Amino acid sequence: MSQELIEAVATVANRHGLAPSWLNDSAAPFAPWAFLVDRCEVLIDVPRLRVLGAAWDDVLIMKIHAARARSQDRDDLVAMWPLAGLSPSEALDRYQQGYPHAPEDEFLLGWIEAIADESTWVGPLDE
């Protein structure tokens, strides 16, 4: 983010009692290769400010890629799983498409399935 935008974000935060980093680009390094801005939802659209939110399924795939062993990432994944609307196999396919250079992980599908099982996700009957 540019310094001008950082200052604008801080001004909005002060006016509305928000955390100074309420708007940030900290997830940008985790964007999948095929990330499409066209799929984003417009969250705020006012003169001189347009805020986009990534689709839940894209956020889920990014979170899978960014997940750290000792963090809240797993809890976040469990909470957002039902919002993403993906089956575990679809999530793995999307992950592999989005991060084609990620190392092969033979346990990734099992880990994703465990997250889906822990969530309130209800998949198709034929899975």
N, C-alpha and C. Protein backbone atom coordinates (compact mmCIF):
# COMPACT_ATOMS: atom_id res chain seq x y z
N MET A 1 0.85 -1.18 0.00
CA MET A 1 0.00 0.00 0.00
C MET A 1 0.89 1.23 0.00
N SER A 2 0.41 2.24 -0.68
CA SER A 2 1.16 3.50 -0.72
C SER A 2 1.05 4.21 0.63
N GLN A 3 1.96 5.12 0.89
CA GLN A 3 1.94 5.87 2.14
C GLN A 3 0.66 6.70 2.24
N GLU A 4 0.21 7.23 1.11
CA GLU A 4 -1.03 8.02 1.10
C GLU A 4 -2.22 7.15 1.53
N LEU A 5 -2.28 5.93 1.03
CA LEU A 5 -3.38 5.03 1.40
C LEU A 5 -3.27 4.62 2.87
N ILE A 6 -2.07 4.35 3.34
CA ILE A 6 -1.87 3.99 4.75
C ILE A 6 -2.38 5.11 5.66
N GLU A 7 -2.09 6.34 5.29
CA GLU A 7 -2.55 7.49 6.08
C GLU A 7 -4.06 7.63 6.02
N ALA A 8 -4.65 7.39 4.85
CA ALA A 8 -6.10 7.45 4.71
C ALA A 8 -6.78 6.37 5.55
N VAL A 9 -6.22 5.18 5.56
CA VAL A 9 -6.76 4.08 6.36
C VAL A 9 -6.71 4.45 7.84
N ALA A 10 -5.60 5.04 8.27
CA ALA A 10 -5.47 5.45 9.67
C ALA A 10 -6.49 6.53 10.03
N THR A 11 -6.75 7.45 9.13
CA THR A 11 -7.73 8.51 9.36
C THR A 11 -9.12 7.91 9.53
N VAL A 12 -9.49 7.00 8.65
CA VAL A 12 -10.79 6.33 8.76
C VAL A 12 -10.86 5.55 10.07
N ALA A 13 -9.78 4.88 10.43
CA ALA A 13 -9.75 4.11 11.68
C ALA A 13 -10.00 5.02 12.88
N ASN A 14 -9.34 6.17 12.91
CA ASN A 14 -9.51 7.11 14.02
C ASN A 14 -10.95 7.62 14.10
N ARG A 15 -11.53 7.92 12.96
CA ARG A 15 -12.89 8.46 12.92
C ARG A 15 -13.93 7.45 13.39
N HIS A 16 -13.69 6.18 13.11
CA HIS A 16 -14.71 5.16 13.35
C HIS A 16 -14.35 4.14 14.42
N GLY A 17 -13.26 4.39 15.16
CA GLY A 17 -12.88 3.50 16.25
C GLY A 17 -12.44 2.12 15.78
N LEU A 18 -11.82 2.07 14.61
CA LEU A 18 -11.35 0.80 14.06
C LEU A 18 -9.87 0.60 14.38
N ALA A 19 -9.43 -0.63 14.27
CA ALA A 19 -8.00 -0.92 14.42
C ALA A 19 -7.24 -0.20 13.30
N PRO A 20 -6.05 0.31 13.57
CA PRO A 20 -5.31 1.05 12.55
C PRO A 20 -5.06 0.24 11.27
N SER A 21 -5.04 -1.07 11.38
CA SER A 21 -4.79 -1.89 10.19
C SER A 21 -6.07 -2.57 9.70
N TRP A 22 -7.21 -1.93 9.90
CA TRP A 22 -8.49 -2.54 9.51
C TRP A 22 -8.52 -2.87 8.02
N LEU A 23 -7.80 -2.13 7.24
CA LEU A 23 -7.70 -2.39 5.81
C LEU A 23 -6.22 -2.56 5.51
N ASN A 24 -5.86 -3.72 4.97
CA ASN A 24 -4.45 -3.97 4.71
C ASN A 24 -4.30 -4.92 3.54
N ASP A 25 -3.08 -5.08 3.11
CA ASP A 25 -2.79 -5.98 1.99
C ASP A 25 -1.93 -7.16 2.44
N SER A 26 -2.07 -7.55 3.70
CA SER A 26 -1.21 -8.60 4.24
C SER A 26 -1.44 -9.97 3.59
N ALA A 27 -2.58 -10.18 2.97
CA ALA A 27 -2.85 -11.46 2.31
C ALA A 27 -2.35 -11.49 0.87
N ALA A 28 -1.93 -10.36 0.35
CA ALA A 28 -1.51 -10.29 -1.06
C ALA A 28 -0.45 -11.32 -1.45
N PRO A 29 0.55 -11.58 -0.62
CA PRO A 29 1.55 -12.58 -1.03
C PRO A 29 1.00 -13.99 -1.18
N PHE A 30 -0.18 -14.25 -0.66
CA PHE A 30 -0.76 -15.58 -0.71
C PHE A 30 -1.79 -15.75 -1.83
N ALA A 31 -1.95 -14.72 -2.65
CA ALA A 31 -2.92 -14.80 -3.74
C ALA A 31 -2.54 -15.93 -4.70
N PRO A 32 -3.52 -16.75 -5.07
CA PRO A 32 -3.22 -17.85 -6.00
C PRO A 32 -2.86 -17.33 -7.38
N TRP A 33 -2.17 -18.17 -8.12
CA TRP A 33 -1.70 -17.81 -9.46
C TRP A 33 -2.84 -17.33 -10.34
N ALA A 34 -3.98 -17.97 -10.26
CA ALA A 34 -5.10 -17.65 -11.15
C ALA A 34 -6.15 -16.76 -10.47
N PHE A 35 -5.74 -15.97 -9.49
CA PHE A 35 -6.69 -15.11 -8.77
C PHE A 35 -7.33 -14.12 -9.73
N LEU A 36 -8.66 -14.04 -9.71
CA LEU A 36 -9.39 -13.13 -10.59
C LEU A 36 -10.08 -12.05 -9.77
N VAL A 37 -9.67 -10.82 -9.96
CA VAL A 37 -10.27 -9.70 -9.25
C VAL A 37 -11.75 -9.58 -9.60
N ASP A 38 -12.13 -10.01 -10.81
CA ASP A 38 -13.53 -9.95 -11.24
C ASP A 38 -14.46 -10.76 -10.33
N ARG A 39 -13.92 -11.74 -9.61
CA ARG A 39 -14.74 -12.56 -8.72
C ARG A 39 -14.95 -11.90 -7.36
N CYS A 40 -14.25 -10.80 -7.10
CA CYS A 40 -14.36 -10.13 -5.81
C CYS A 40 -15.71 -9.43 -5.66
N GLU A 41 -16.13 -9.32 -4.42
CA GLU A 41 -17.35 -8.59 -4.09
C GLU A 41 -16.96 -7.16 -3.74
N VAL A 42 -17.73 -6.21 -4.23
CA VAL A 42 -17.49 -4.81 -3.87
C VAL A 42 -18.08 -4.59 -2.48
N LEU A 43 -17.20 -4.30 -1.52
CA LEU A 43 -17.64 -4.10 -0.13
C LEU A 43 -17.96 -2.64 0.16
N ILE A 44 -17.16 -1.76 -0.40
CA ILE A 44 -17.35 -0.33 -0.24
C ILE A 44 -17.06 0.32 -1.58
N ASP A 45 -17.95 1.20 -2.03
CA ASP A 45 -17.73 1.91 -3.29
C ASP A 45 -18.26 3.33 -3.13
N VAL A 46 -17.37 4.20 -2.72
CA VAL A 46 -17.70 5.61 -2.54
C VAL A 46 -16.66 6.42 -3.31
N PRO A 47 -16.91 7.70 -3.51
CA PRO A 47 -15.91 8.48 -4.24
C PRO A 47 -14.52 8.33 -3.62
N ARG A 48 -13.55 8.00 -4.46
CA ARG A 48 -12.14 7.89 -4.11
C ARG A 48 -11.80 6.68 -3.24
N LEU A 49 -12.77 5.77 -3.03
CA LEU A 49 -12.47 4.55 -2.26
C LEU A 49 -13.35 3.41 -2.75
N ARG A 50 -12.70 2.36 -3.18
CA ARG A 50 -13.41 1.13 -3.56
C ARG A 50 -12.68 -0.03 -2.87
N VAL A 51 -13.41 -0.75 -2.03
CA VAL A 51 -12.85 -1.87 -1.30
C VAL A 51 -13.47 -3.15 -1.83
N LEU A 52 -12.61 -4.08 -2.23
CA LEU A 52 -13.06 -5.37 -2.74
C LEU A 52 -12.78 -6.46 -1.73
N GLY A 53 -13.65 -7.44 -1.67
CA GLY A 53 -13.44 -8.61 -0.82
C GLY A 53 -13.39 -9.84 -1.70
N ALA A 54 -12.38 -10.65 -1.49
CA ALA A 54 -12.23 -11.87 -2.27
C ALA A 54 -13.37 -12.83 -1.97
N ALA A 55 -13.72 -13.66 -2.94
CA ALA A 55 -14.75 -14.68 -2.76
C ALA A 55 -14.29 -15.67 -1.69
N TRP A 56 -15.23 -16.21 -0.92
CA TRP A 56 -14.89 -17.10 0.18
C TRP A 56 -14.06 -18.30 -0.26
N ASP A 57 -14.38 -18.84 -1.44
CA ASP A 57 -13.60 -20.00 -1.88
C ASP A 57 -12.16 -19.62 -2.18
N ASP A 58 -11.94 -18.42 -2.70
CA ASP A 58 -10.57 -17.95 -2.92
C ASP A 58 -9.85 -17.71 -1.59
N VAL A 59 -10.55 -17.14 -0.63
CA VAL A 59 -9.95 -16.90 0.68
C VAL A 59 -9.58 -18.23 1.34
N LEU A 60 -10.44 -19.22 1.22
CA LEU A 60 -10.15 -20.54 1.78
C LEU A 60 -8.88 -21.12 1.19
N ILE A 61 -8.74 -21.06 -0.12
CA ILE A 61 -7.56 -21.60 -0.79
C ILE A 61 -6.31 -20.84 -0.35
N MET A 62 -6.42 -19.53 -0.25
CA MET A 62 -5.28 -18.73 0.21
C MET A 62 -4.90 -19.11 1.65
N LYS A 63 -5.91 -19.34 2.49
CA LYS A 63 -5.66 -19.69 3.89
C LYS A 63 -5.02 -21.07 3.99
N ILE A 64 -5.43 -22.00 3.13
CA ILE A 64 -4.79 -23.31 3.11
C ILE A 64 -3.31 -23.14 2.78
N HIS A 65 -3.02 -22.30 1.82
CA HIS A 65 -1.63 -22.08 1.42
C HIS A 65 -0.81 -21.40 2.52
N ALA A 66 -1.44 -20.48 3.23
CA ALA A 66 -0.74 -19.70 4.24
C ALA A 66 -0.72 -20.39 5.61
N ALA A 67 -1.48 -21.46 5.78
CA ALA A 67 -1.66 -22.06 7.10
C ALA A 67 -0.34 -22.42 7.76
N ARG A 68 -0.25 -22.07 9.02
CA ARG A 68 0.92 -22.37 9.84
C ARG A 68 0.51 -23.35 10.92
N ALA A 69 1.41 -24.20 11.31
CA ALA A 69 1.10 -25.26 12.27
C ALA A 69 0.63 -24.71 13.62
N ARG A 70 1.30 -23.71 14.13
CA ARG A 70 0.96 -23.18 15.46
C ARG A 70 0.34 -21.80 15.32
N SER A 71 -0.88 -21.78 14.85
CA SER A 71 -1.58 -20.50 14.68
C SER A 71 -3.08 -20.76 14.72
N GLN A 72 -3.82 -19.72 14.50
CA GLN A 72 -5.27 -19.81 14.47
C GLN A 72 -5.77 -20.20 13.08
N ASP A 73 -4.86 -20.46 12.15
CA ASP A 73 -5.26 -20.74 10.77
C ASP A 73 -6.24 -21.91 10.68
N ARG A 74 -5.99 -22.96 11.41
CA ARG A 74 -6.89 -24.13 11.33
C ARG A 74 -8.29 -23.75 11.80
N ASP A 75 -8.39 -23.03 12.91
CA ASP A 75 -9.70 -22.60 13.40
C ASP A 75 -10.39 -21.70 12.38
N ASP A 76 -9.62 -20.83 11.74
CA ASP A 76 -10.18 -19.96 10.70
C ASP A 76 -10.71 -20.80 9.54
N LEU A 77 -9.95 -21.81 9.14
CA LEU A 77 -10.37 -22.67 8.03
C LEU A 77 -11.65 -23.42 8.38
N VAL A 78 -11.75 -23.93 9.59
CA VAL A 78 -12.96 -24.64 10.02
C VAL A 78 -14.15 -23.69 9.98
N ALA A 79 -13.97 -22.46 10.44
CA ALA A 79 -15.06 -21.49 10.48
C ALA A 79 -15.50 -21.06 9.08
N MET A 80 -14.55 -20.90 8.17
CA MET A 80 -14.93 -20.40 6.84
C MET A 80 -15.30 -21.52 5.87
N TRP A 81 -15.05 -22.76 6.22
CA TRP A 81 -15.33 -23.87 5.31
C TRP A 81 -16.75 -23.84 4.74
N PRO A 82 -17.79 -23.71 5.57
CA PRO A 82 -19.14 -23.73 5.00
C PRO A 82 -19.42 -22.57 4.05
N LEU A 83 -18.73 -21.46 4.22
CA LEU A 83 -18.94 -20.29 3.37
C LEU A 83 -18.34 -20.46 1.98
N ALA A 84 -17.34 -21.31 1.87
CA ALA A 84 -16.62 -21.47 0.61
C ALA A 84 -17.36 -22.34 -0.39
N GLY A 85 -18.17 -23.26 0.08
CA GLY A 85 -18.97 -24.08 -0.82
C GLY A 85 -18.18 -25.09 -1.65
N LEU A 86 -17.06 -25.55 -1.14
CA LEU A 86 -16.23 -26.51 -1.87
C LEU A 86 -16.23 -27.85 -1.14
N SER A 87 -16.09 -28.92 -1.89
CA SER A 87 -15.84 -30.22 -1.27
C SER A 87 -14.34 -30.29 -1.01
N PRO A 88 -13.89 -31.22 -0.18
CA PRO A 88 -12.45 -31.35 0.04
C PRO A 88 -11.66 -31.59 -1.25
N SER A 89 -12.19 -32.43 -2.13
CA SER A 89 -11.46 -32.69 -3.38
C SER A 89 -11.43 -31.45 -4.28
N GLU A 90 -12.52 -30.68 -4.29
CA GLU A 90 -12.53 -29.43 -5.06
C GLU A 90 -11.52 -28.44 -4.48
N ALA A 91 -11.44 -28.38 -3.16
CA ALA A 91 -10.48 -27.47 -2.52
C ALA A 91 -9.05 -27.87 -2.88
N LEU A 92 -8.76 -29.16 -2.87
CA LEU A 92 -7.43 -29.62 -3.25
C LEU A 92 -7.14 -29.28 -4.71
N ASP A 93 -8.09 -29.51 -5.60
CA ASP A 93 -7.90 -29.17 -7.02
C ASP A 93 -7.64 -27.68 -7.19
N ARG A 94 -8.45 -26.86 -6.52
CA ARG A 94 -8.27 -25.40 -6.61
C ARG A 94 -6.92 -24.99 -6.06
N TYR A 95 -6.49 -25.62 -4.97
CA TYR A 95 -5.19 -25.32 -4.37
C TYR A 95 -4.08 -25.65 -5.37
N GLN A 96 -4.15 -26.82 -5.97
CA GLN A 96 -3.11 -27.24 -6.91
C GLN A 96 -3.09 -26.35 -8.16
N GLN A 97 -4.25 -25.89 -8.59
CA GLN A 97 -4.30 -24.96 -9.73
C GLN A 97 -3.75 -23.58 -9.35
N GLY A 98 -4.07 -23.15 -8.15
CA GLY A 98 -3.66 -21.83 -7.71
C GLY A 98 -2.20 -21.72 -7.33
N TYR A 99 -1.62 -22.83 -6.90
CA TYR A 99 -0.22 -22.85 -6.45
C TYR A 99 0.52 -24.00 -7.13
N PRO A 100 0.69 -23.90 -8.44
CA PRO A 100 1.29 -25.03 -9.18
C PRO A 100 2.73 -25.34 -8.78
N HIS A 101 3.41 -24.42 -8.15
CA HIS A 101 4.81 -24.65 -7.76
C HIS A 101 4.96 -25.05 -6.29
N ALA A 102 3.83 -25.21 -5.61
CA ALA A 102 3.90 -25.65 -4.21
C ALA A 102 4.39 -27.09 -4.17
N PRO A 103 5.17 -27.44 -3.15
CA PRO A 103 5.65 -28.82 -3.07
C PRO A 103 4.49 -29.81 -2.92
N GLU A 104 4.66 -30.97 -3.50
CA GLU A 104 3.65 -32.04 -3.39
C GLU A 104 3.53 -32.45 -1.92
N ASP A 105 2.31 -32.62 -1.45
CA ASP A 105 2.08 -33.02 -0.06
C ASP A 105 1.05 -34.14 -0.06
N GLU A 106 1.50 -35.34 0.18
CA GLU A 106 0.61 -36.50 0.12
C GLU A 106 -0.44 -36.50 1.23
N PHE A 107 -0.26 -35.68 2.25
CA PHE A 107 -1.18 -35.63 3.36
C PHE A 107 -2.17 -34.46 3.28
N LEU A 108 -2.04 -33.62 2.27
CA LEU A 108 -2.86 -32.41 2.19
C LEU A 108 -4.34 -32.72 2.09
N LEU A 109 -4.74 -33.66 1.25
CA LEU A 109 -6.16 -33.98 1.12
C LEU A 109 -6.73 -34.46 2.46
N GLY A 110 -6.02 -35.30 3.18
CA GLY A 110 -6.49 -35.76 4.48
C GLY A 110 -6.65 -34.62 5.47
N TRP A 111 -5.71 -33.67 5.43
CA TRP A 111 -5.78 -32.50 6.31
C TRP A 111 -7.00 -31.65 5.96
N ILE A 112 -7.24 -31.46 4.66
CA ILE A 112 -8.40 -30.69 4.20
C ILE A 112 -9.69 -31.41 4.60
N GLU A 113 -9.73 -32.72 4.43
CA GLU A 113 -10.92 -33.49 4.81
C GLU A 113 -11.20 -33.36 6.31
N ALA A 114 -10.16 -33.36 7.12
CA ALA A 114 -10.33 -33.22 8.57
C ALA A 114 -10.92 -31.85 8.91
N ILE A 115 -10.49 -30.83 8.20
CA ILE A 115 -11.04 -29.48 8.42
C ILE A 115 -12.52 -29.46 8.04
N ALA A 116 -12.86 -30.05 6.88
CA ALA A 116 -14.26 -30.09 6.44
C ALA A 116 -15.11 -30.88 7.45
N ASP A 117 -14.58 -31.98 7.95
CA ASP A 117 -15.32 -32.79 8.92
C ASP A 117 -15.56 -32.03 10.22
N GLU A 118 -14.61 -31.21 10.59
CA GLU A 118 -14.71 -30.44 11.84
C GLU A 118 -15.67 -29.26 11.70
N SER A 119 -15.94 -28.84 10.49
CA SER A 119 -16.83 -27.70 10.26
C SER A 119 -18.27 -28.17 10.18
N THR A 120 -19.14 -27.24 9.86
CA THR A 120 -20.56 -27.57 9.70
C THR A 120 -20.90 -27.84 8.25
N TRP A 121 -19.88 -28.05 7.42
CA TRP A 121 -20.08 -28.30 6.00
C TRP A 121 -20.84 -29.59 5.78
N VAL A 122 -21.80 -29.56 4.87
CA VAL A 122 -22.51 -30.75 4.47
C VAL A 122 -22.32 -30.90 2.98
N GLY A 123 -21.60 -31.93 2.57
CA GLY A 123 -21.26 -32.13 1.17
C GLY A 123 -22.30 -32.93 0.43
N PRO A 124 -22.07 -33.14 -0.85
CA PRO A 124 -22.98 -33.95 -1.66
C PRO A 124 -23.05 -35.38 -1.11
N LEU A 125 -24.17 -36.03 -1.31
CA LEU A 125 -24.36 -37.37 -0.79
C LEU A 125 -23.46 -38.40 -1.44
N ASP A 126 -22.97 -38.12 -2.65
CA ASP A 126 -22.16 -39.10 -3.35
C ASP A 126 -20.68 -39.02 -3.02
N GLU A 127 -20.29 -38.17 -2.11
CA GLU A 127 -18.85 -38.08 -1.75
C GLU A 127 -18.51 -39.00 -0.62
